[in-house]
Amino acid sequence: MRTEPLLSIIIPVYNTKQYLPACMQSVLHQQACFDYEVILVDDGSTDGSSLFCDQYASDTPFVHVLHQKNQGLSVARNNGLKASRGLYILFLDSDDWLADERVFSCLNKYLKDQKDVIFFESKKDISHWFNRTPHVLKRLLNADTPQNQLFNEMIRYNYPLGCAWNRVLKRSLLIDGELWFEANTYCEDIEWNVKLMRLNPQIALCPHVLHCYRQHSNTITQRYERIADDFKTIVLRCIHDHEAGSEKAVDAFLAFQYASLLEFVPYLSDEDQKQTASAKDILNYASDKKAKCCRRLVAFLGYERACRLLNRYLLSKKV
């Protein structure tokens, strides 16, 4: 008999009082299919979110709270992982939510198969026209894609692999593979995903929308300026630490991340722009439409003009 829960849901919380109730309601109102726990990691909230967390833990025996001083999303996830007991882990941001009460029912059969990672579909909280990856997983399943080609094909079809919230992962894979999130940086999920791919995990695809994420439009330009330097540091470090041409999926993944970085180049210093330009050969390994388009733009317009055009495109996506 299992004494530990099948699934641990780790939810970092920082000043999301207005969104946390919807997130928690989506988790607590799931159809009962298996035992699970919820770990709320209060990252030093100052807006009253801490009290909300305590109230949920007081009312529900399988909800637990960790309070820490403000150290960021990465440390909150890491501490939640250390405290978790589930066979599987789901990282859920506190301003996101599960799509409906049938999410656990959809996941149940995949959890029983005990694959290392179960990917599922996500959608934004706005019009589906702005969701870039509808039904990618269903397409791969219909094509009967071999296990060793799944990462390659997910990247080719632009499935968002540069995050942590659109999958369920075995806790043992995370712990034994030392898949911890780097502290004190934005874009921490990029390098984490490179490490995940290199573990060659057994993958299952759940072709259902199980997760919804919130698109924040307020102060978006300032947010872009804040993350640009960290984005550059992480992407260039991954490229420099990687032997180009040695791992097809990693090559293509880094080409996509580099293409995305070009949109942020105007926010970088002149020296950082030069460093970024020096890594443009990674675009030769592009497999998805976006990275291929960026490769052509750089070749046709030149690096600087292409970056300015891509930045305008970035700003057009505020909706």
Protein backbone atom coordinates (compact mmCIF):
# COMPACT_ATOMS: atom_id res chain seq x y z
CA MET A 1 0.00 0.00 0.00
CA ARG A 2 1.26 3.47 -0.88
CA THR A 3 1.57 5.80 2.08
CA GLU A 4 2.87 8.75 0.09
CA PRO A 5 0.70 10.65 -2.42
CA LEU A 6 0.90 9.86 -6.11
CA LEU A 7 1.25 13.55 -7.02
CA SER A 8 2.74 16.59 -5.32
CA ILE A 9 1.65 19.97 -6.65
CA ILE A 10 4.21 22.65 -5.84
CA ILE A 11 2.87 26.22 -5.97
CA PRO A 12 5.27 29.11 -5.29
CA VAL A 13 3.37 32.15 -4.03
CA TYR A 14 4.56 35.72 -4.10
CA ASN A 15 2.06 38.60 -3.87
CA THR A 16 -0.63 36.86 -5.92
CA LYS A 17 -3.52 37.30 -3.49
CA GLN A 18 -5.93 38.21 -6.30
CA TYR A 19 -5.12 35.06 -8.31
CA LEU A 20 -4.40 32.41 -5.67
CA PRO A 21 -8.07 31.55 -4.91
CA ALA A 22 -8.76 30.63 -8.55
CA CYS A 23 -5.57 28.57 -8.69
CA MET A 24 -6.40 26.70 -5.48
CA GLN A 25 -10.03 26.18 -6.41
CA SER A 26 -8.95 24.52 -9.65
CA VAL A 27 -6.72 22.14 -7.68
CA LEU A 28 -9.03 21.35 -4.78
CA HIS A 29 -12.10 20.75 -6.96
CA GLN A 30 -10.54 17.94 -8.98
CA GLN A 31 -12.40 14.66 -9.36
CA ALA A 32 -10.85 12.29 -6.80
CA CYS A 33 -8.73 9.73 -8.68
CA PHE A 34 -5.66 9.41 -6.49
CA ASP A 35 -4.04 10.82 -3.37
CA TYR A 36 -2.22 14.10 -3.86
CA GLU A 37 -0.69 16.87 -1.80
CA VAL A 38 -0.37 20.59 -2.38
CA ILE A 39 2.72 22.44 -1.20
CA LEU A 40 2.31 26.20 -1.09
CA VAL A 41 5.68 27.95 -0.84
CA ASP A 42 5.14 31.49 0.39
CA ASP A 43 8.11 33.46 -0.90
CA GLY A 44 7.90 36.30 1.59
CA SER A 45 4.63 37.76 0.31
CA THR A 46 3.62 41.17 1.60
CA ASP A 47 0.09 41.49 0.18
CA GLY A 48 -1.73 39.05 2.45
CA SER A 49 -1.05 35.95 0.36
CA SER A 50 0.69 34.39 3.37
CA LEU A 51 -2.54 34.41 5.35
CA PHE A 52 -4.39 32.84 2.44
CA CYS A 53 -1.81 30.04 2.35
CA ASP A 54 -2.17 29.41 6.09
CA GLN A 55 -5.94 29.31 5.78
CA TYR A 56 -5.83 26.70 3.00
CA ALA A 57 -3.47 24.55 5.08
CA SER A 58 -5.71 24.91 8.13
CA ASP A 59 -8.84 23.89 6.20
CA THR A 60 -7.38 21.04 4.12
CA PRO A 61 -5.16 18.29 5.56
CA PHE A 62 -3.26 17.59 2.34
CA VAL A 63 -2.32 21.23 1.79
CA HIS A 64 0.99 22.23 3.37
CA VAL A 65 2.70 25.61 3.61
CA LEU A 66 6.35 26.58 3.64
CA HIS A 67 7.19 30.17 4.53
CA GLN A 68 10.52 31.60 3.40
CA LYS A 69 12.01 35.05 3.05
CA ASN A 70 11.80 36.40 -0.48
CA GLN A 71 14.31 34.42 -2.54
CA GLY A 72 12.56 34.05 -5.88
CA LEU A 73 10.71 31.43 -7.87
CA SER A 74 13.65 29.05 -8.26
CA VAL A 75 14.37 28.71 -4.54
CA ALA A 76 10.64 28.35 -3.83
CA ARG A 77 10.37 25.49 -6.33
CA ASN A 78 13.51 23.84 -4.97
CA ASN A 79 12.29 24.02 -1.38
CA GLY A 80 8.89 22.70 -2.41
CA LEU A 81 10.55 19.79 -4.19
CA LYS A 82 12.65 18.96 -1.12
CA ALA A 83 9.53 18.90 1.05
CA SER A 84 7.43 16.88 -1.40
CA ARG A 85 6.56 13.19 -0.97
CA GLY A 86 4.77 12.35 -4.22
CA LEU A 87 5.89 9.91 -6.87
CA TYR A 88 5.24 12.69 -9.41
CA ILE A 89 5.69 16.47 -9.30
CA LEU A 90 3.63 19.21 -10.93
CA PHE A 91 4.94 22.79 -10.78
CA LEU A 92 2.03 25.21 -10.90
CA ASP A 93 2.38 29.00 -10.79
CA SER A 94 0.01 30.68 -8.36
CA ASP A 95 -1.53 32.93 -11.02
CA ASP A 96 -2.27 29.96 -13.30
CA TRP A 97 -4.89 27.25 -12.90
CA LEU A 98 -5.91 23.77 -13.97
CA ALA A 99 -8.27 23.78 -16.93
CA ASP A 100 -11.25 21.99 -15.32
CA GLU A 101 -12.18 19.36 -12.72
CA ARG A 102 -11.22 16.48 -15.05
CA VAL A 103 -7.48 17.15 -15.16
CA PHE A 104 -6.58 14.40 -12.70
CA SER A 105 -8.86 11.97 -14.55
CA CYS A 106 -6.98 12.72 -17.77
CA LEU A 107 -3.62 12.28 -16.05
CA ASN A 108 -4.49 9.14 -14.13
CA LYS A 109 -3.81 6.55 -16.82
CA TYR A 110 -0.52 8.22 -17.76
CA LEU A 111 0.65 8.25 -14.15
CA LYS A 112 -0.07 4.52 -13.90
CA ASP A 113 2.23 3.88 -16.88
CA GLN A 114 5.03 5.43 -14.82
CA LYS A 115 6.86 7.25 -17.60
CA ASP A 116 9.43 9.78 -16.43
CA VAL A 117 7.74 12.86 -17.90
CA ILE A 118 4.14 13.41 -19.00
CA PHE A 119 3.65 16.45 -21.22
CA PHE A 120 0.23 18.03 -21.69
CA GLU A 121 -1.22 20.99 -23.58
CA SER A 122 -1.57 24.48 -22.08
CA LYS A 123 -3.39 27.60 -23.22
CA LYS A 124 -3.32 31.30 -22.50
CA ASP A 125 -6.21 33.03 -20.79
CA ILE A 126 -6.93 34.98 -23.99
CA SER A 127 -8.15 34.15 -27.49
CA HIS A 128 -6.95 30.81 -28.86
CA TRP A 129 -5.53 32.71 -31.85
CA PHE A 130 -2.64 33.73 -29.60
CA ASN A 131 -1.90 30.17 -28.48
CA ARG A 132 1.05 29.12 -30.59
CA THR A 133 0.94 25.35 -30.04
CA PRO A 134 -2.60 23.97 -30.35
CA HIS A 135 -2.80 20.18 -30.56
CA VAL A 136 0.93 19.56 -31.09
CA LEU A 137 0.89 16.49 -28.87
CA LYS A 138 -2.09 14.99 -30.68
CA ARG A 139 -0.26 15.51 -33.98
CA LEU A 140 2.79 13.66 -32.67
CA LEU A 141 0.66 10.81 -31.35
CA ASN A 142 -1.22 10.49 -34.63
CA ALA A 143 2.13 10.29 -36.42
CA ASP A 144 3.23 7.52 -34.05
CA THR A 145 6.44 9.44 -33.36
CA PRO A 146 9.22 7.18 -31.96
CA GLN A 147 10.23 7.80 -28.35
CA ASN A 148 13.76 8.88 -29.33
CA GLN A 149 12.35 11.51 -31.72
CA LEU A 150 9.79 13.11 -29.41
CA PHE A 151 11.93 16.02 -28.21
CA ASN A 152 13.04 16.75 -31.79
CA GLU A 153 9.48 16.83 -33.08
CA MET A 154 8.14 18.84 -30.14
CA ILE A 155 10.73 21.51 -30.86
CA ARG A 156 10.04 21.41 -34.61
CA TYR A 157 6.34 22.04 -33.99
CA ASN A 158 7.08 24.79 -31.46
CA TYR A 159 5.76 23.03 -28.35
CA PRO A 160 6.86 25.25 -25.41
CA LEU A 161 9.71 23.22 -23.93
CA GLY A 162 11.38 26.20 -22.28
CA CYS A 163 9.14 26.15 -19.20
CA ALA A 164 8.41 23.79 -16.29
CA TRP A 165 4.62 23.99 -15.90
CA ASN A 166 3.29 21.98 -18.87
CA ARG A 167 4.33 18.56 -17.61
CA VAL A 168 4.33 16.13 -14.70
CA LEU A 169 7.70 14.65 -13.75
CA LYS A 170 8.87 11.77 -11.58
CA ARG A 171 10.28 13.09 -8.35
CA SER A 172 13.13 10.57 -8.52
CA LEU A 173 14.13 11.91 -11.95
CA LEU A 174 14.38 15.43 -10.55
CA ILE A 175 16.27 14.42 -7.41
CA ASP A 176 18.61 11.82 -8.92
CA GLY A 177 19.22 13.95 -12.01
CA GLU A 178 19.90 17.00 -9.81
CA LEU A 179 17.36 19.05 -11.73
CA TRP A 180 17.32 22.05 -9.43
CA PHE A 181 16.42 25.55 -10.55
CA GLU A 182 19.15 28.18 -10.54
CA ALA A 183 18.54 30.87 -7.95
CA ASN A 184 18.44 34.62 -8.50
CA THR A 185 17.80 34.62 -12.22
CA TYR A 186 14.97 34.98 -14.70
CA CYS A 187 14.70 32.40 -17.49
CA GLU A 188 15.85 29.67 -15.10
CA ASP A 189 13.76 27.10 -16.96
CA ILE A 190 15.92 27.16 -20.11
CA GLU A 191 19.05 25.52 -18.69
CA TRP A 192 16.87 23.23 -16.55
CA ASN A 193 15.26 21.93 -19.73
CA VAL A 194 18.61 21.35 -21.43
CA LYS A 195 19.60 19.18 -18.46
CA LEU A 196 16.27 17.38 -18.64
CA MET A 197 16.71 16.54 -22.33
CA ARG A 198 20.19 15.17 -21.67
CA LEU A 199 18.76 12.67 -19.18
CA ASN A 200 16.85 11.02 -22.08
CA PRO A 201 13.72 10.47 -19.99
CA GLN A 202 10.89 8.19 -21.05
CA ILE A 203 8.12 10.49 -22.25
CA ALA A 204 4.33 10.22 -22.43
CA LEU A 205 2.12 12.71 -24.28
CA CYS A 206 -1.29 13.66 -22.90
CA PRO A 207 -3.01 15.47 -25.82
CA HIS A 208 -5.47 17.44 -23.67
CA VAL A 209 -5.42 21.05 -22.45
CA LEU A 210 -4.90 20.64 -18.72
CA HIS A 211 -3.33 23.96 -17.76
CA CYS A 212 -4.15 27.63 -18.29
CA TYR A 213 -1.69 30.45 -17.82
CA ARG A 214 -2.30 34.11 -17.36
CA GLN A 215 -0.90 36.65 -19.82
CA HIS A 216 0.03 39.83 -17.95
CA SER A 217 0.19 42.91 -20.13
CA ASN A 218 0.85 45.59 -17.52
CA THR A 219 4.37 47.10 -17.46
CA ILE A 220 5.44 44.54 -20.06
CA THR A 221 8.20 46.70 -21.56
CA GLN A 222 9.80 47.18 -18.15
CA ARG A 223 9.59 43.42 -17.60
CA TYR A 224 11.34 42.79 -20.90
CA GLU A 225 14.11 45.16 -19.91
CA ARG A 226 14.53 43.36 -16.58
CA ILE A 227 14.82 39.88 -18.02
CA ALA A 228 16.96 40.71 -21.09
CA ASP A 229 20.32 40.44 -19.35
CA ASP A 230 19.49 37.17 -17.57
CA PHE A 231 18.00 35.76 -20.77
CA LYS A 232 21.23 36.59 -22.61
CA THR A 233 23.41 35.11 -19.86
CA ILE A 234 21.51 31.81 -19.69
CA VAL A 235 21.16 31.30 -23.45
CA LEU A 236 24.79 32.17 -24.25
CA ARG A 237 26.06 30.01 -21.41
CA CYS A 238 24.05 27.05 -22.67
CA ILE A 239 25.36 27.60 -26.20
CA HIS A 240 28.96 27.96 -25.07
CA ASP A 241 28.74 24.84 -22.87
CA HIS A 242 27.23 22.81 -25.71
CA GLU A 243 29.10 21.14 -28.56
CA ALA A 244 27.06 22.23 -31.56
CA GLY A 245 25.98 19.32 -33.72
CA SER A 246 26.39 16.74 -30.97
CA GLU A 247 22.78 16.48 -29.77
CA LYS A 248 20.04 17.18 -32.31
CA ALA A 249 17.30 18.06 -29.84
CA VAL A 250 19.55 20.34 -27.77
CA ASP A 251 20.86 22.00 -30.95
CA ALA A 252 17.32 22.80 -32.11
CA PHE A 253 16.17 23.87 -28.63
CA LEU A 254 19.06 26.32 -28.26
CA ALA A 255 18.47 27.64 -31.79
CA PHE A 256 14.90 28.46 -30.80
CA GLN A 257 15.97 30.08 -27.52
CA TYR A 258 18.59 32.13 -29.36
CA ALA A 259 15.99 33.24 -31.90
CA SER A 260 13.79 34.37 -29.00
CA LEU A 261 16.76 36.18 -27.44
CA LEU A 262 17.20 38.27 -30.60
CA GLU A 263 13.89 39.98 -29.79
CA PHE A 264 15.48 41.31 -26.57
CA VAL A 265 18.81 42.45 -28.03
CA PRO A 266 17.87 46.19 -28.18
CA TYR A 267 17.63 46.15 -24.36
CA LEU A 268 21.24 44.93 -24.01
CA SER A 269 24.45 46.94 -23.72
CA ASP A 270 26.65 47.32 -26.80
CA GLU A 271 29.11 44.76 -25.46
CA ASP A 272 26.36 42.26 -24.68
CA GLN A 273 24.94 42.77 -28.16
CA LYS A 274 28.33 41.88 -29.64
CA GLN A 275 28.52 38.75 -27.49
CA THR A 276 25.06 37.73 -28.60
CA ALA A 277 25.91 38.31 -32.26
CA SER A 278 28.98 36.06 -31.93
CA ALA A 279 26.74 33.06 -31.15
CA LYS A 280 24.46 33.38 -34.18
CA ASP A 281 25.79 30.22 -35.83
CA ILE A 282 23.51 28.22 -33.53
CA LEU A 283 20.71 29.28 -35.88
CA ASN A 284 22.15 26.83 -38.42
CA TYR A 285 20.53 24.08 -36.31
CA ALA A 286 17.05 25.63 -36.37
CA SER A 287 14.21 23.16 -36.90
CA ASP A 288 11.10 25.20 -35.96
CA LYS A 289 9.51 27.90 -38.11
CA LYS A 290 10.40 30.79 -35.81
CA ALA A 291 14.11 30.01 -35.58
CA LYS A 292 14.31 29.34 -39.32
CA CYS A 293 12.63 32.68 -40.00
CA CYS A 294 15.08 34.45 -37.69
CA ARG A 295 18.01 32.79 -39.46
CA ARG A 296 16.74 34.12 -42.80
CA LEU A 297 16.14 37.59 -41.39
CA VAL A 298 19.68 37.82 -40.01
CA ALA A 299 21.08 36.63 -43.34
CA PHE A 300 18.94 39.04 -45.38
CA LEU A 301 18.77 42.16 -43.19
CA GLY A 302 21.91 41.80 -41.12
CA TYR A 303 22.07 41.16 -37.39
CA GLU A 304 21.24 44.64 -36.05
CA ARG A 305 18.32 45.39 -38.36
CA ALA A 306 16.89 41.91 -37.80
CA CYS A 307 17.01 42.40 -34.03
CA ARG A 308 15.23 45.75 -34.25
CA LEU A 309 12.50 44.23 -36.39
CA LEU A 310 12.13 41.26 -34.03
CA ASN A 311 11.87 43.60 -31.06
CA ARG A 312 8.94 45.37 -32.72
CA TYR A 313 7.34 41.97 -33.16
CA LEU A 314 7.92 41.23 -29.46
CA LEU A 315 6.19 44.45 -28.42
CA SER A 316 3.26 43.66 -30.71
CA LYS A 317 2.53 40.56 -28.60
CA LYS A 318 1.40 42.51 -25.52
CA VAL A 319 -2.12 41.15 -25.91
